Amino acid sequence: MQRIQAGTHPENFAEQKALAKAGFPLEGVVRACEFRAGQWRDGYLYSRLRTDPAPDLPSD
């Protein structure tokens, strides 16, 4: 696998924090990607590549 990507809503701060902690950097804003509650909404796109360094995860 070369690439894994994930998207989230801009107001979902918990998911953004979890993605960043897992080593997924924010690639950018995907404009008007979802029609929700009668409006077009933006989304955030995160990704990891095979060549990205492993994230620093805490040891429990």
PDB file of N, CA and C in Angstrom:
ATOM      1  N   MET A   1       0.843  -1.165   0.000  1.00  0.00           N
ATOM      2  CA  MET A   1       0.000   0.000   0.000  1.00  0.00           C
ATOM      3  C   MET A   1       0.895   1.238   0.000  1.00  0.00           C
ATOM      4  N   GLN A   2       0.622   2.152  -0.864  1.00  0.00           N
ATOM      5  CA  GLN A   2       1.424   3.363  -0.998  1.00  0.00           C
ATOM      6  C   GLN A   2       0.865   4.530  -0.192  1.00  0.00           C
ATOM      7  N   ARG A   3      -0.470   4.612  -0.104  1.00  0.00           N
ATOM      8  CA  ARG A   3      -1.089   5.794   0.489  1.00  0.00           C
ATOM      9  C   ARG A   3      -2.359   5.397   1.234  1.00  0.00           C
ATOM     10  N   ILE A   4      -2.535   6.016   2.397  1.00  0.00           N
ATOM     11  CA  ILE A   4      -3.784   5.910   3.152  1.00  0.00           C
ATOM     12  C   ILE A   4      -4.258   7.337   3.382  1.00  0.00           C
ATOM     13  N   GLN A   5      -5.541   7.574   3.147  1.00  0.00           N
ATOM     14  CA  GLN A   5      -6.041   8.920   3.393  1.00  0.00           C
ATOM     15  C   GLN A   5      -7.319   8.860   4.204  1.00  0.00           C
ATOM     16  N   ALA A   6      -7.586   9.951   4.898  1.00  0.00           N
ATOM     17  CA  ALA A   6      -8.786  10.059   5.726  1.00  0.00           C
ATOM     18  C   ALA A   6      -9.300  11.479   5.619  1.00  0.00           C
ATOM     19  N   GLY A   7     -10.589  11.607   5.706  1.00  0.00           N
ATOM     20  CA  GLY A   7     -11.203  12.924   5.685  1.00  0.00           C
ATOM     21  C   GLY A   7     -12.038  13.138   6.931  1.00  0.00           C
ATOM     22  N   THR A   8     -12.190  14.389   7.309  1.00  0.00           N
ATOM     23  CA  THR A   8     -13.000  14.721   8.475  1.00  0.00           C
ATOM     24  C   THR A   8     -13.634  16.093   8.282  1.00  0.00           C
ATOM     25  N   HIS A   9     -14.613  16.359   9.107  1.00  0.00           N
ATOM     26  CA  HIS A   9     -15.269  17.664   9.079  1.00  0.00           C
ATOM     27  C   HIS A   9     -14.423  18.672   9.859  1.00  0.00           C
ATOM     28  N   PRO A  10     -14.395  19.920   9.424  1.00  0.00           N
ATOM     29  CA  PRO A  10     -13.591  20.928  10.123  1.00  0.00           C
ATOM     30  C   PRO A  10     -13.964  21.107  11.599  1.00  0.00           C
ATOM     31  N   GLU A  11     -15.195  20.819  11.957  1.00  0.00           N
ATOM     32  CA  GLU A  11     -15.605  20.998  13.352  1.00  0.00           C
ATOM     33  C   GLU A  11     -15.334  19.773  14.227  1.00  0.00           C
ATOM     34  N   ASN A  12     -14.799  18.708  13.650  1.00  0.00           N
ATOM     35  CA  ASN A  12     -14.527  17.486  14.411  1.00  0.00           C
ATOM     36  C   ASN A  12     -13.090  17.519  14.953  1.00  0.00           C
ATOM     37  N   PHE A  13     -12.905  18.258  16.017  1.00  0.00           N
ATOM     38  CA  PHE A  13     -11.569  18.474  16.576  1.00  0.00           C
ATOM     39  C   PHE A  13     -10.959  17.190  17.138  1.00  0.00           C
ATOM     40  N   ALA A  14     -11.783  16.319  17.722  1.00  0.00           N
ATOM     41  CA  ALA A  14     -11.259  15.077  18.297  1.00  0.00           C
ATOM     42  C   ALA A  14     -10.668  14.189  17.206  1.00  0.00           C
ATOM     43  N   GLU A  15     -11.353  14.080  16.072  1.00  0.00           N
ATOM     44  CA  GLU A  15     -10.828  13.248  14.988  1.00  0.00           C
ATOM     45  C   GLU A  15      -9.566  13.860  14.388  1.00  0.00           C
ATOM     46  N   GLN A  16      -9.525  15.168  14.268  1.00  0.00           N
ATOM     47  CA  GLN A  16      -8.323  15.833  13.754  1.00  0.00           C
ATOM     48  C   GLN A  16      -7.132  15.555  14.666  1.00  0.00           C
ATOM     49  N   LYS A  17      -7.355  15.622  15.959  1.00  0.00           N
ATOM     50  CA  LYS A  17      -6.281  15.355  16.922  1.00  0.00           C
ATOM     51  C   LYS A  17      -5.815  13.903  16.823  1.00  0.00           C
ATOM     52  N   ALA A  18      -6.766  12.964  16.692  1.00  0.00           N
ATOM     53  CA  ALA A  18      -6.421  11.547  16.589  1.00  0.00           C
ATOM     54  C   ALA A  18      -5.632  11.268  15.312  1.00  0.00           C
ATOM     55  N   LEU A  19      -6.035  11.876  14.194  1.00  0.00           N
ATOM     56  CA  LEU A  19      -5.311  11.669  12.940  1.00  0.00           C
ATOM     57  C   LEU A  19      -3.895  12.219  13.033  1.00  0.00           C
ATOM     58  N   ALA A  20      -3.742  13.405  13.596  1.00  0.00           N
ATOM     59  CA  ALA A  20      -2.408  13.994  13.745  1.00  0.00           C
ATOM     60  C   ALA A  20      -1.534  13.118  14.649  1.00  0.00           C
ATOM     61  N   LYS A  21      -2.112  12.613  15.739  1.00  0.00           N
ATOM     62  CA  LYS A  21      -1.364  11.756  16.666  1.00  0.00           C
ATOM     63  C   LYS A  21      -0.922  10.461  15.990  1.00  0.00           C
ATOM     64  N   ALA A  22      -1.727   9.969  15.048  1.00  0.00           N
ATOM     65  CA  ALA A  22      -1.407   8.732  14.326  1.00  0.00           C
ATOM     66  C   ALA A  22      -0.458   8.977  13.155  1.00  0.00           C
ATOM     67  N   GLY A  23      -0.005  10.221  12.998  1.00  0.00           N
ATOM     68  CA  GLY A  23       0.983  10.509  11.967  1.00  0.00           C
ATOM     69  C   GLY A  23       0.415  10.925  10.626  1.00  0.00           C
ATOM     70  N   PHE A  24      -0.829  11.330  10.595  1.00  0.00           N
ATOM     71  CA  PHE A  24      -1.467  11.787   9.357  1.00  0.00           C
ATOM     72  C   PHE A  24      -1.407  13.310   9.309  1.00  0.00           C
ATOM     73  N   PRO A  25      -0.549  13.896   8.476  1.00  0.00           N
ATOM     74  CA  PRO A  25      -0.530  15.353   8.373  1.00  0.00           C
ATOM     75  C   PRO A  25      -1.727  15.860   7.564  1.00  0.00           C
ATOM     76  N   LEU A  26      -2.148  17.058   7.858  1.00  0.00           N
ATOM     77  CA  LEU A  26      -3.225  17.701   7.109  1.00  0.00           C
ATOM     78  C   LEU A  26      -2.698  18.067   5.733  1.00  0.00           C
ATOM     79  N   GLU A  27      -3.359  17.573   4.691  1.00  0.00           N
ATOM     80  CA  GLU A  27      -2.977  17.920   3.317  1.00  0.00           C
ATOM     81  C   GLU A  27      -3.663  19.201   2.877  1.00  0.00           C
ATOM     82  N   GLY A  28      -4.895  19.384   3.302  1.00  0.00           N
ATOM     83  CA  GLY A  28      -5.586  20.601   2.909  1.00  0.00           C
ATOM     84  C   GLY A  28      -7.084  20.502   3.057  1.00  0.00           C
ATOM     85  N   VAL A  29      -7.738  21.530   2.540  1.00  0.00           N
ATOM     86  CA  VAL A  29      -9.185  21.633   2.590  1.00  0.00           C
ATOM     87  C   VAL A  29      -9.765  21.153   1.263  1.00  0.00           C
ATOM     88  N   VAL A  30     -10.749  20.283   1.348  1.00  0.00           N
ATOM     89  CA  VAL A  30     -11.490  19.844   0.172  1.00  0.00           C
ATOM     90  C   VAL A  30     -12.772  20.675   0.168  1.00  0.00           C
ATOM     91  N   ARG A  31     -12.839  21.623  -0.733  1.00  0.00           N
ATOM     92  CA  ARG A  31     -13.940  22.577  -0.713  1.00  0.00           C
ATOM     93  C   ARG A  31     -15.235  21.962  -1.236  1.00  0.00           C
ATOM     94  N   ALA A  32     -16.328  22.293  -0.556  1.00  0.00           N
ATOM     95  CA  ALA A  32     -17.682  21.900  -0.958  1.00  0.00           C
ATOM     96  C   ALA A  32     -17.766  20.422  -1.348  1.00  0.00           C
ATOM     97  N   CYS A  33     -17.252  19.549  -0.485  1.00  0.00           N
ATOM     98  CA  CYS A  33     -17.185  18.123  -0.812  1.00  0.00           C
ATOM     99  C   CYS A  33     -18.371  17.320  -0.308  1.00  0.00           C
ATOM    100  N   GLU A  34     -19.193  17.918   0.536  1.00  0.00           N
ATOM    101  CA  GLU A  34     -20.309  17.169   1.107  1.00  0.00           C
ATOM    102  C   GLU A  34     -21.528  18.082   1.247  1.00  0.00           C
ATOM    103  N   PHE A  35     -22.670  17.566   0.833  1.00  0.00           N
ATOM    104  CA  PHE A  35     -23.924  18.297   0.992  1.00  0.00           C
ATOM    105  C   PHE A  35     -24.600  17.781   2.247  1.00  0.00           C
ATOM    106  N   ARG A  36     -24.688  18.637   3.262  1.00  0.00           N
ATOM    107  CA  ARG A  36     -25.219  18.214   4.562  1.00  0.00           C
ATOM    108  C   ARG A  36     -26.064  19.344   5.145  1.00  0.00           C
ATOM    109  N   ALA A  37     -27.225  18.980   5.640  1.00  0.00           N
ATOM    110  CA  ALA A  37     -28.138  19.945   6.269  1.00  0.00           C
ATOM    111  C   ALA A  37     -28.453  21.115   5.334  1.00  0.00           C
ATOM    112  N   GLY A  38     -28.620  20.802   4.042  1.00  0.00           N
ATOM    113  CA  GLY A  38     -29.015  21.824   3.082  1.00  0.00           C
ATOM    114  C   GLY A  38     -27.915  22.739   2.604  1.00  0.00           C
ATOM    115  N   GLN A  39     -26.652  22.418   2.929  1.00  0.00           N
ATOM    116  CA  GLN A  39     -25.532  23.264   2.528  1.00  0.00           C
ATOM    117  C   GLN A  39     -24.363  22.418   2.057  1.00  0.00           C
ATOM    118  N   TRP A  40     -23.569  22.965   1.157  1.00  0.00           N
ATOM    119  CA  TRP A  40     -22.301  22.333   0.783  1.00  0.00           C
ATOM    120  C   TRP A  40     -21.288  22.662   1.864  1.00  0.00           C
ATOM    121  N   ARG A  41     -20.592  21.640   2.334  1.00  0.00           N
ATOM    122  CA  ARG A  41     -19.624  21.789   3.431  1.00  0.00           C
ATOM    123  C   ARG A  41     -18.231  21.386   2.967  1.00  0.00           C
ATOM    124  N   ASP A  42     -17.240  22.058   3.536  1.00  0.00           N
ATOM    125  CA  ASP A  42     -15.843  21.714   3.279  1.00  0.00           C
ATOM    126  C   ASP A  42     -15.439  20.522   4.148  1.00  0.00           C
ATOM    127  N   GLY A  43     -14.340  19.898   3.798  1.00  0.00           N
ATOM    128  CA  GLY A  43     -13.768  18.824   4.600  1.00  0.00           C
ATOM    129  C   GLY A  43     -12.260  18.993   4.679  1.00  0.00           C
ATOM    130  N   TYR A  44     -11.646  18.288   5.611  1.00  0.00           N
ATOM    131  CA  TYR A  44     -10.193  18.285   5.737  1.00  0.00           C
ATOM    132  C   TYR A  44      -9.687  16.932   5.255  1.00  0.00           C
ATOM    133  N   LEU A  45      -8.576  16.946   4.525  1.00  0.00           N
ATOM    134  CA  LEU A  45      -7.984  15.719   4.013  1.00  0.00           C
ATOM    135  C   LEU A  45      -6.628  15.488   4.679  1.00  0.00           C
ATOM    136  N   TYR A  46      -6.471  14.300   5.233  1.00  0.00           N
ATOM    137  CA  TYR A  46      -5.227  13.855   5.879  1.00  0.00           C
ATOM    138  C   TYR A  46      -4.726  12.636   5.123  1.00  0.00           C
ATOM    139  N   SER A  47      -3.396  12.415   5.129  1.00  0.00           N
ATOM    140  CA  SER A  47      -2.878  11.208   4.487  1.00  0.00           C
ATOM    141  C   SER A  47      -1.535  10.804   5.076  1.00  0.00           C
ATOM    142  N   ARG A  48      -1.196   9.529   4.828  1.00  0.00           N
ATOM    143  CA  ARG A  48       0.129   8.991   5.143  1.00  0.00           C
ATOM    144  C   ARG A  48       0.611   8.240   3.925  1.00  0.00           C
ATOM    145  N   LEU A  49       1.894   8.365   3.666  1.00  0.00           N
ATOM    146  CA  LEU A  49       2.530   7.613   2.588  1.00  0.00           C
ATOM    147  C   LEU A  49       3.420   6.533   3.189  1.00  0.00           C
ATOM    148  N   ARG A  50       3.684   5.521   2.407  1.00  0.00           N
ATOM    149  CA  ARG A  50       4.566   4.440   2.840  1.00  0.00           C
ATOM    150  C   ARG A  50       5.924   4.984   3.315  1.00  0.00           C
ATOM    151  N   THR A  51       6.388   6.046   2.695  1.00  0.00           N
ATOM    152  CA  THR A  51       7.707   6.595   2.997  1.00  0.00           C
ATOM    153  C   THR A  51       7.712   7.561   4.182  1.00  0.00           C
ATOM    154  N   ASP A  52       6.541   7.879   4.749  1.00  0.00           N
ATOM    155  CA  ASP A  52       6.489   8.775   5.906  1.00  0.00           C
ATOM    156  C   ASP A  52       7.096   8.085   7.129  1.00  0.00           C
ATOM    157  N   PRO A  53       7.776   8.841   7.969  1.00  0.00           N
ATOM    158  CA  PRO A  53       8.320   8.232   9.192  1.00  0.00           C
ATOM    159  C   PRO A  53       7.193   7.795  10.122  1.00  0.00           C
ATOM    160  N   ALA A  54       7.474   6.791  10.921  1.00  0.00           N
ATOM    161  CA  ALA A  54       6.485   6.297  11.885  1.00  0.00           C
ATOM    162  C   ALA A  54       6.184   7.385  12.911  1.00  0.00           C
ATOM    163  N   PRO A  55       4.925   7.489  13.336  1.00  0.00           N
ATOM    164  CA  PRO A  55       4.586   8.496  14.350  1.00  0.00           C
ATOM    165  C   PRO A  55       5.171   8.116  15.708  1.00  0.00           C
ATOM    166  N   ASP A  56       5.409   9.116  16.532  1.00  0.00           N
ATOM    167  CA  ASP A  56       5.866   8.891  17.902  1.00  0.00           C
ATOM    168  C   ASP A  56       4.646   8.575  18.756  1.00  0.00           C
ATOM    169  N   LEU A  57       4.433   7.305  19.031  1.00  0.00           N
ATOM    170  CA  LEU A  57       3.301   6.892  19.844  1.00  0.00           C
ATOM    171  C   LEU A  57       3.777   6.619  21.265  1.00  0.00           C
ATOM    172  N   PRO A  58       2.979   7.018  22.261  1.00  0.00           N
ATOM    173  CA  PRO A  58       3.385   6.763  23.648  1.00  0.00           C
ATOM    174  C   PRO A  58       3.337   5.276  23.958  1.00  0.00           C
ATOM    175  N   SER A  59       4.279   4.827  24.759  1.00  0.00           N
ATOM    176  CA  SER A  59       4.252   3.426  25.197  1.00  0.00           C
ATOM    177  C   SER A  59       3.465   3.362  26.499  1.00  0.00           C
ATOM    178  N   ASP A  60       2.493   2.468  26.554  1.00  0.00           N
ATOM    179  CA  ASP A  60       1.617   2.391  27.740  1.00  0.00           C
ATOM    180  C   ASP A  60       2.221   1.613  28.837  1.00  0.00           C
TER     181      ASP A  60
END
